[in-house]
Amino acid sequence: MPASTANFRLSTQATGALETLVNGIESSPGDLIRPHEFDDCATVLDVRGVLKDLPDGISEADFVGILRLALLTECATESYANVISTIGRECDAGWLSRFTDRVWAPDELTHHTPYRLMLQSLGFSDEELGRDIRDTQEKLYAHTGGRTPVHITTYGMIQEYLTDNYHGLIAKTLRKSAPEAAAMVFRVKRRETLHTAWYRDMTALQLESNPRFVEDMASEINCFDMPGASLVPELQAQGKRWQQLMGANVEQIFRDLLRLAHDILGSSRLTGELVLKLAADRNVDIGPLSASQVSKAISRLGGIGHGLIGEAVLEKAGLGYTFERPAGKQDSGFRPYEGVQEKVRSLLRGWIRDHIPSPATVILTS
């Protein structure tokens, strides 16, 4: 169920920090794509050669669908922006509406152009593509998650990261036979990488103000779906299969998203709490116990228990370095756990790590 805006509260200090962040982004948004930047590419672009060198399992129809999914989800920027700006106003979060209207939406408006040019190169008429774009833009984007800024920035971070990854897979598919097309897509991809970081930082400032927003993060993650599910469901339904055929690394995707979440939360304890909430909602088992049972038992241990879960998950994903304290000149010497206590923690952490299911299994079956 979408969260009520009545439950959203930020401290004056956090609101000020978010306003300052958006001020900085607005004054220095990075290397924006100019409105007519890709015009010169249109005269030399030819992606027909890619059809002879597609990855195994991808048909010509699949390739067209891959490009159309990118085109039609990228062209609907104003539909998303209207929803996000409205939520910002409802929650008295002017920083979110301002970021959306002045930075994010103008930036995103250029991102569909490479895909329109590529489809034209494959023989689609400008009239046909224009009609598809108008039909998509006229649809009402339905955001199924929560309607508070922390829900939206969590959603934005995940959506931008996955879009970044999708553009990257397409660019790699194009690189050998159509390097000009790949260069355009990589250009868009770099913007999505920056958007991911902006949404991460916005979410982190909100969580720093109120750590209980971890519950909102969990609810947004569990109901997450790409915008295409609302606007072009027939194409979005093929998205996971297409990404796998283009070589998507599910383990790396999980690792990257976990690292983003951990950066936001700032502690193994909150990361463990987030992971347990997600696992319980998805009926994931941890060894012989369900995540719900583990959650109830862990709650009795408080922060220590959630910290163990967080550390175990981070270790499982190859991110153990994020909480380990290597000895060296910069080491303060402080250790919260030592001796027998640390040995017991290490044994428990290892057992949990070894009984956590593969992230790929969870993601691909969800």
Protein backbone atom coordinates (compact mmCIF):
# COMPACT_ATOMS: atom_id res chain seq x y z
CA MET A 1 0.00 0.00 0.00
CA PRO A 2 1.38 3.44 -0.85
CA ALA A 3 2.49 5.33 2.23
CA SER A 4 0.55 8.40 3.35
CA THR A 5 2.20 11.77 2.95
CA ALA A 6 0.97 12.55 6.46
CA ASN A 7 3.66 10.23 7.85
CA PHE A 8 6.54 12.04 6.15
CA ARG A 9 8.53 14.42 8.32
CA LEU A 10 12.01 15.84 7.83
CA SER A 11 14.01 17.98 10.22
CA THR A 12 14.76 21.57 9.28
CA GLN A 13 18.44 20.62 9.11
CA ALA A 14 17.78 17.76 6.66
CA THR A 15 15.55 19.93 4.48
CA GLY A 16 18.30 22.55 4.38
CA ALA A 17 20.88 19.94 3.42
CA LEU A 18 18.65 18.68 0.59
CA GLU A 19 18.06 22.22 -0.66
CA THR A 20 21.83 22.76 -0.65
CA LEU A 21 22.39 19.49 -2.54
CA VAL A 22 19.88 20.44 -5.22
CA ASN A 23 21.39 23.94 -5.44
CA GLY A 24 24.74 22.32 -6.20
CA ILE A 25 23.27 19.96 -8.78
CA GLU A 26 21.38 22.78 -10.46
CA SER A 27 24.46 24.98 -10.70
CA SER A 28 26.76 22.14 -11.83
CA PRO A 29 24.71 19.40 -13.53
CA GLY A 30 27.67 17.96 -15.41
CA ASP A 31 28.07 17.40 -19.12
CA LEU A 32 24.46 17.70 -20.32
CA ILE A 33 23.48 16.33 -23.71
CA ARG A 34 22.72 19.26 -25.99
CA PRO A 35 19.30 19.21 -27.74
CA HIS A 36 20.80 18.69 -31.24
CA GLU A 37 23.98 16.89 -30.19
CA PHE A 38 23.15 13.72 -32.13
CA ASP A 39 22.16 15.43 -35.38
CA ASP A 40 25.50 14.76 -37.09
CA CYS A 41 25.31 11.07 -36.19
CA ALA A 42 22.00 10.73 -37.99
CA THR A 43 23.61 11.24 -41.40
CA VAL A 44 26.16 8.41 -40.96
CA LEU A 45 24.27 6.05 -38.68
CA ASP A 46 23.72 2.50 -39.91
CA VAL A 47 22.85 -0.25 -37.44
CA ARG A 48 21.77 -2.84 -40.00
CA GLY A 49 25.11 -4.59 -39.64
CA VAL A 50 24.27 -5.37 -36.01
CA LEU A 51 21.51 -7.72 -37.20
CA LYS A 52 24.19 -10.09 -38.56
CA ASP A 53 26.09 -10.18 -35.28
CA LEU A 54 23.44 -10.39 -32.55
CA PRO A 55 24.15 -12.35 -29.35
CA ASP A 56 22.91 -15.95 -29.31
CA GLY A 57 19.18 -16.17 -28.69
CA ILE A 58 18.36 -12.62 -29.78
CA SER A 59 16.31 -12.47 -32.97
CA GLU A 60 15.92 -9.43 -35.20
CA ALA A 61 12.46 -8.94 -33.70
CA ASP A 62 14.00 -9.06 -30.21
CA PHE A 63 16.57 -6.43 -31.18
CA VAL A 64 13.86 -4.12 -32.48
CA GLY A 65 11.92 -4.70 -29.25
CA ILE A 66 15.00 -3.87 -27.16
CA LEU A 67 15.37 -0.55 -28.97
CA ARG A 68 11.65 0.22 -28.81
CA LEU A 69 11.54 -0.42 -25.06
CA ALA A 70 14.35 2.09 -24.56
CA LEU A 71 12.76 4.61 -26.94
CA LEU A 72 9.28 4.52 -25.46
CA THR A 73 10.26 4.53 -21.80
CA GLU A 74 12.76 7.35 -22.33
CA CYS A 75 10.30 9.48 -24.31
CA ALA A 76 7.77 9.61 -21.46
CA THR A 77 9.88 11.89 -19.23
CA GLU A 78 7.15 14.49 -18.71
CA SER A 79 4.69 11.85 -17.51
CA TYR A 80 7.12 10.73 -14.77
CA ALA A 81 8.11 14.30 -13.93
CA ASN A 82 4.49 15.35 -13.34
CA VAL A 83 4.00 12.55 -10.81
CA ILE A 84 7.28 13.23 -8.98
CA SER A 85 6.75 17.00 -8.84
CA THR A 86 3.23 16.53 -7.51
CA ILE A 87 4.52 14.30 -4.71
CA GLY A 88 7.15 16.89 -3.86
CA ARG A 89 4.49 19.59 -3.53
CA GLU A 90 2.18 17.33 -1.49
CA CYS A 91 4.99 16.72 1.01
CA ASP A 92 6.27 20.31 1.10
CA ALA A 93 9.54 19.05 -0.43
CA GLY A 94 10.32 21.90 -2.78
CA TRP A 95 13.83 20.54 -3.33
CA LEU A 96 12.38 17.42 -5.00
CA SER A 97 10.01 19.33 -7.31
CA ARG A 98 12.74 21.82 -8.19
CA PHE A 99 15.27 19.09 -8.98
CA THR A 100 12.71 17.28 -11.13
CA ASP A 101 11.48 20.30 -13.07
CA ARG A 102 14.75 22.17 -13.55
CA VAL A 103 17.37 19.42 -13.82
CA TRP A 104 16.09 15.87 -14.20
CA ALA A 105 13.29 16.36 -16.76
CA PRO A 106 15.24 18.65 -19.13
CA ASP A 107 18.18 16.24 -18.95
CA GLU A 108 16.04 13.17 -19.69
CA LEU A 109 14.27 14.75 -22.69
CA THR A 110 17.28 13.99 -24.92
CA HIS A 111 17.72 10.35 -23.98
CA HIS A 112 15.28 8.78 -26.43
CA THR A 113 16.91 10.37 -29.50
CA PRO A 114 19.59 7.70 -30.17
CA TYR A 115 16.94 4.99 -30.24
CA ARG A 116 14.71 6.92 -32.62
CA LEU A 117 17.66 7.37 -34.97
CA MET A 118 18.61 3.68 -34.76
CA LEU A 119 15.08 2.52 -35.52
CA GLN A 120 14.97 4.89 -38.49
CA SER A 121 18.22 3.32 -39.66
CA LEU A 122 16.46 -0.06 -39.54
CA GLY A 123 13.71 1.22 -41.84
CA PHE A 124 11.06 2.53 -39.45
CA SER A 125 9.47 5.73 -40.69
CA ASP A 126 9.56 8.94 -38.69
CA GLU A 127 5.78 9.05 -38.93
CA GLU A 128 5.42 5.56 -37.42
CA LEU A 129 7.87 6.25 -34.59
CA GLY A 130 6.26 9.63 -33.92
CA ARG A 131 2.87 7.97 -33.56
CA ASP A 132 4.26 5.38 -31.11
CA ILE A 133 5.92 8.13 -29.08
CA ARG A 134 2.74 10.23 -28.92
CA ASP A 135 0.66 7.21 -27.90
CA THR A 136 3.08 6.46 -25.05
CA GLN A 137 3.30 10.07 -23.90
CA GLU A 138 -0.48 10.32 -23.73
CA LYS A 139 -0.69 7.37 -21.32
CA LEU A 140 -0.95 8.09 -17.61
CA TYR A 141 2.09 6.82 -15.73
CA ALA A 142 0.92 4.93 -12.64
CA HIS A 143 3.40 4.96 -9.77
CA THR A 144 2.56 1.94 -7.63
CA GLY A 145 4.92 2.73 -4.76
CA GLY A 146 4.74 5.15 -1.86
CA ARG A 147 3.99 8.84 -2.29
CA THR A 148 6.65 10.45 -0.13
CA PRO A 149 10.04 11.87 -1.17
CA VAL A 150 11.99 9.01 0.42
CA HIS A 151 9.94 6.50 -1.58
CA ILE A 152 10.49 8.50 -4.76
CA THR A 153 14.25 8.95 -4.33
CA THR A 154 14.63 5.25 -3.47
CA TYR A 155 12.63 4.40 -6.58
CA GLY A 156 14.62 6.88 -8.66
CA MET A 157 17.95 5.43 -7.57
CA ILE A 158 16.96 1.87 -8.48
CA GLN A 159 15.26 2.86 -11.74
CA GLU A 160 18.19 5.00 -12.88
CA TYR A 161 20.70 2.27 -12.01
CA LEU A 162 18.76 -0.39 -13.93
CA THR A 163 18.27 1.98 -16.88
CA ASP A 164 22.00 2.73 -16.83
CA ASN A 165 22.67 -1.01 -16.92
CA TYR A 166 20.19 -1.53 -19.80
CA HIS A 167 21.84 1.20 -21.87
CA GLY A 168 25.22 -0.39 -21.16
CA LEU A 169 24.09 -3.79 -22.43
CA ILE A 170 22.71 -2.21 -25.61
CA ALA A 171 25.90 -0.22 -26.19
CA LYS A 172 28.03 -3.35 -25.89
CA THR A 173 25.77 -5.13 -28.38
CA LEU A 174 26.22 -2.23 -30.83
CA ARG A 175 29.90 -1.51 -30.29
CA LYS A 176 31.42 -3.90 -32.84
CA SER A 177 29.13 -3.28 -35.83
CA ALA A 178 27.78 0.21 -35.11
CA PRO A 179 30.33 2.17 -33.03
CA GLU A 180 28.64 5.51 -33.71
CA ALA A 181 25.38 4.20 -32.27
CA ALA A 182 27.22 2.72 -29.29
CA ALA A 183 28.88 6.08 -28.61
CA MET A 184 25.47 7.81 -28.47
CA VAL A 185 24.11 5.22 -26.05
CA PHE A 186 27.19 5.38 -23.84
CA ARG A 187 26.67 9.15 -23.74
CA VAL A 188 23.15 8.62 -22.38
CA LYS A 189 24.40 5.93 -20.02
CA ARG A 190 26.83 8.32 -18.35
CA ARG A 191 23.97 10.69 -17.54
CA GLU A 192 21.99 7.85 -15.94
CA THR A 193 25.02 6.99 -13.79
CA LEU A 194 25.04 10.55 -12.48
CA HIS A 195 21.29 10.49 -11.84
CA THR A 196 21.73 7.31 -9.78
CA ALA A 197 24.29 9.06 -7.57
CA TRP A 198 22.05 12.11 -7.13
CA TYR A 199 19.10 10.00 -5.97
CA ARG A 200 21.40 7.99 -3.69
CA ASP A 201 22.59 11.15 -1.98
CA MET A 202 19.04 12.51 -1.60
CA THR A 203 17.92 9.25 -0.01
CA ALA A 204 20.93 9.17 2.31
CA LEU A 205 20.20 12.66 3.65
CA GLN A 206 16.62 11.65 4.43
CA LEU A 207 17.72 8.43 6.17
CA GLU A 208 20.31 10.34 8.17
CA SER A 209 17.50 12.54 9.44
CA ASN A 210 15.20 9.61 10.24
CA PRO A 211 16.64 6.05 10.23
CA ARG A 212 13.08 4.65 10.44
CA PHE A 213 12.74 5.55 6.76
CA VAL A 214 14.46 2.17 6.24
CA GLU A 215 10.92 0.75 6.35
CA ASP A 216 9.90 3.02 3.48
CA MET A 217 12.96 1.95 1.50
CA ALA A 218 12.01 -1.68 2.00
CA SER A 219 8.39 -1.17 0.93
CA GLU A 220 9.48 0.74 -2.20
CA ILE A 221 12.00 -1.93 -3.18
CA ASN A 222 9.48 -4.73 -2.70
CA CYS A 223 6.84 -3.13 -4.93
CA PHE A 224 9.35 -1.80 -7.47
CA ASP A 225 8.65 -2.12 -11.17
CA MET A 226 10.15 -0.31 -14.11
CA PRO A 227 8.10 2.53 -15.66
CA GLY A 228 7.62 0.42 -18.78
CA ALA A 229 5.34 -1.90 -16.81
CA SER A 230 2.83 0.93 -16.72
CA LEU A 231 3.42 2.49 -20.15
CA VAL A 232 4.53 -0.35 -22.47
CA PRO A 233 3.76 -3.56 -20.55
CA GLU A 234 4.01 -5.79 -23.62
CA LEU A 235 7.64 -4.70 -24.12
CA GLN A 236 8.60 -4.50 -20.44
CA ALA A 237 7.44 -8.11 -19.98
CA GLN A 238 10.33 -9.16 -22.24
CA GLY A 239 12.88 -6.91 -20.54
CA LYS A 240 14.34 -9.45 -18.13
CA ARG A 241 14.79 -12.06 -20.88
CA TRP A 242 16.39 -9.55 -23.23
CA GLN A 243 18.82 -8.41 -20.56
CA GLN A 244 19.86 -11.98 -19.80
CA LEU A 245 20.46 -12.65 -23.51
CA MET A 246 22.57 -9.50 -23.77
CA GLY A 247 24.75 -10.78 -20.92
CA ALA A 248 23.36 -9.11 -17.80
CA ASN A 249 25.29 -10.17 -14.69
CA VAL A 250 22.62 -10.65 -12.04
CA GLU A 251 25.14 -11.13 -9.24
CA GLN A 252 26.83 -7.84 -10.15
CA ILE A 253 23.48 -6.03 -10.33
CA PHE A 254 22.61 -7.29 -6.84
CA ARG A 255 26.06 -6.31 -5.55
CA ASP A 256 25.80 -2.81 -6.98
CA LEU A 257 22.30 -2.23 -5.59
CA LEU A 258 23.30 -3.60 -2.18
CA ARG A 259 26.32 -1.30 -2.14
CA LEU A 260 24.10 1.69 -3.01
CA ALA A 261 21.67 0.75 -0.21
CA HIS A 262 24.51 0.25 2.28
CA ASP A 263 26.02 3.62 1.33
CA ILE A 264 22.65 5.23 2.06
CA LEU A 265 22.05 3.44 5.37
CA GLY A 266 25.58 3.87 6.67
CA SER A 267 25.61 0.86 9.01
CA SER A 268 25.52 -2.92 8.88
CA ARG A 269 22.68 -2.86 11.41
CA LEU A 270 20.32 -0.89 9.16
CA THR A 271 21.45 -2.89 6.12
CA GLY A 272 20.56 -6.08 7.99
CA GLU A 273 17.19 -4.67 8.97
CA LEU A 274 16.47 -3.73 5.35
CA VAL A 275 17.51 -7.14 4.04
CA LEU A 276 15.39 -8.99 6.59
CA LYS A 277 12.31 -6.93 5.73
CA LEU A 278 12.82 -7.63 2.03
CA ALA A 279 13.43 -11.34 2.61
CA ALA A 280 10.38 -11.73 4.88
CA ASP A 281 8.09 -10.06 2.34
CA ARG A 282 9.41 -12.35 -0.41
CA ASN A 283 9.17 -15.53 1.73
CA VAL A 284 12.88 -16.24 1.44
CA ASP A 285 14.30 -19.01 3.64
CA ILE A 286 17.56 -18.67 5.56
CA GLY A 287 18.66 -22.23 6.18
CA PRO A 288 15.83 -24.19 7.84
CA LEU A 289 14.03 -21.03 8.93
CA SER A 290 11.90 -18.54 7.08
CA ALA A 291 13.07 -14.95 7.01
CA SER A 292 10.02 -14.02 9.10
CA GLN A 293 11.08 -16.46 11.83
CA VAL A 294 14.65 -15.16 11.72
CA SER A 295 13.36 -11.60 11.90
CA LYS A 296 11.34 -12.32 15.04
CA ALA A 297 14.34 -13.97 16.70
CA ILE A 298 16.74 -11.24 15.63
CA SER A 299 14.43 -8.52 16.94
CA ARG A 300 15.03 -9.85 20.46
CA LEU A 301 18.76 -9.22 20.00
CA GLY A 302 18.25 -5.66 18.79
CA GLY A 303 21.02 -3.97 16.84
CA ILE A 304 23.49 -6.79 17.37
CA GLY A 305 21.31 -9.28 15.52
CA HIS A 306 20.54 -7.02 12.59
CA GLY A 307 24.22 -6.12 12.40
CA LEU A 308 25.13 -9.79 12.01
CA ILE A 309 22.60 -10.20 9.20
CA GLY A 310 23.91 -7.10 7.47
CA GLU A 311 27.52 -8.23 7.70
CA ALA A 312 26.64 -11.73 6.47
CA VAL A 313 24.80 -10.40 3.42
CA LEU A 314 27.62 -7.98 2.63
CA GLU A 315 30.15 -10.82 2.88
CA LYS A 316 27.98 -13.03 0.65
CA ALA A 317 27.98 -10.30 -2.01
CA GLY A 318 31.73 -9.75 -1.78
CA LEU A 319 31.30 -6.47 0.10
CA GLY A 320 32.78 -7.54 3.42
CA TYR A 321 35.39 -4.79 3.12
CA THR A 322 32.66 -2.22 3.79
CA PHE A 323 32.50 -3.16 7.48
CA GLU A 324 35.90 -4.76 8.15
CA ARG A 325 38.51 -2.63 9.90
CA PRO A 326 41.97 -3.40 8.48
CA ALA A 327 44.88 -2.84 10.80
CA GLY A 328 47.33 -0.15 9.75
CA LYS A 329 48.51 3.38 10.39
CA GLN A 330 44.99 4.76 9.99
CA ASP A 331 43.52 2.23 12.44
CA SER A 332 42.27 3.79 15.68
CA GLY A 333 42.60 0.50 17.49
CA PHE A 334 38.94 0.57 18.55
CA ARG A 335 37.16 -2.78 18.31
CA PRO A 336 33.50 -3.09 19.37
CA TYR A 337 33.94 -6.88 19.69
CA GLU A 338 37.09 -8.77 20.66
CA GLY A 339 38.29 -12.18 21.74
CA VAL A 340 35.68 -14.89 22.32
CA GLN A 341 32.83 -12.49 21.57
CA GLU A 342 34.23 -11.73 18.10
CA LYS A 343 34.87 -15.44 17.43
CA VAL A 344 31.24 -16.26 18.26
CA ARG A 345 30.06 -13.40 16.02
CA SER A 346 32.29 -14.65 13.22
CA LEU A 347 30.88 -18.19 13.52
CA LEU A 348 27.29 -16.92 13.51
CA ARG A 349 28.00 -14.57 10.63
CA GLY A 350 29.57 -17.40 8.63
CA TRP A 351 26.61 -19.71 9.24
CA ILE A 352 24.15 -17.03 8.13
CA ARG A 353 26.27 -16.19 5.06
CA ASP A 354 26.44 -19.85 4.01
CA HIS A 355 22.68 -20.30 4.33
CA ILE A 356 21.61 -17.18 2.47
CA PRO A 357 20.31 -18.19 -0.98
CA SER A 358 22.09 -16.98 -4.08
CA PRO A 359 21.02 -13.44 -4.97
CA ALA A 360 20.58 -14.56 -8.58
CA THR A 361 18.10 -17.21 -7.49
CA VAL A 362 16.04 -14.70 -5.50
CA ILE A 363 16.06 -12.03 -8.22
CA LEU A 364 15.30 -14.31 -11.16
CA THR A 365 12.42 -16.05 -9.40
CA SER A 366 10.83 -12.90 -7.96
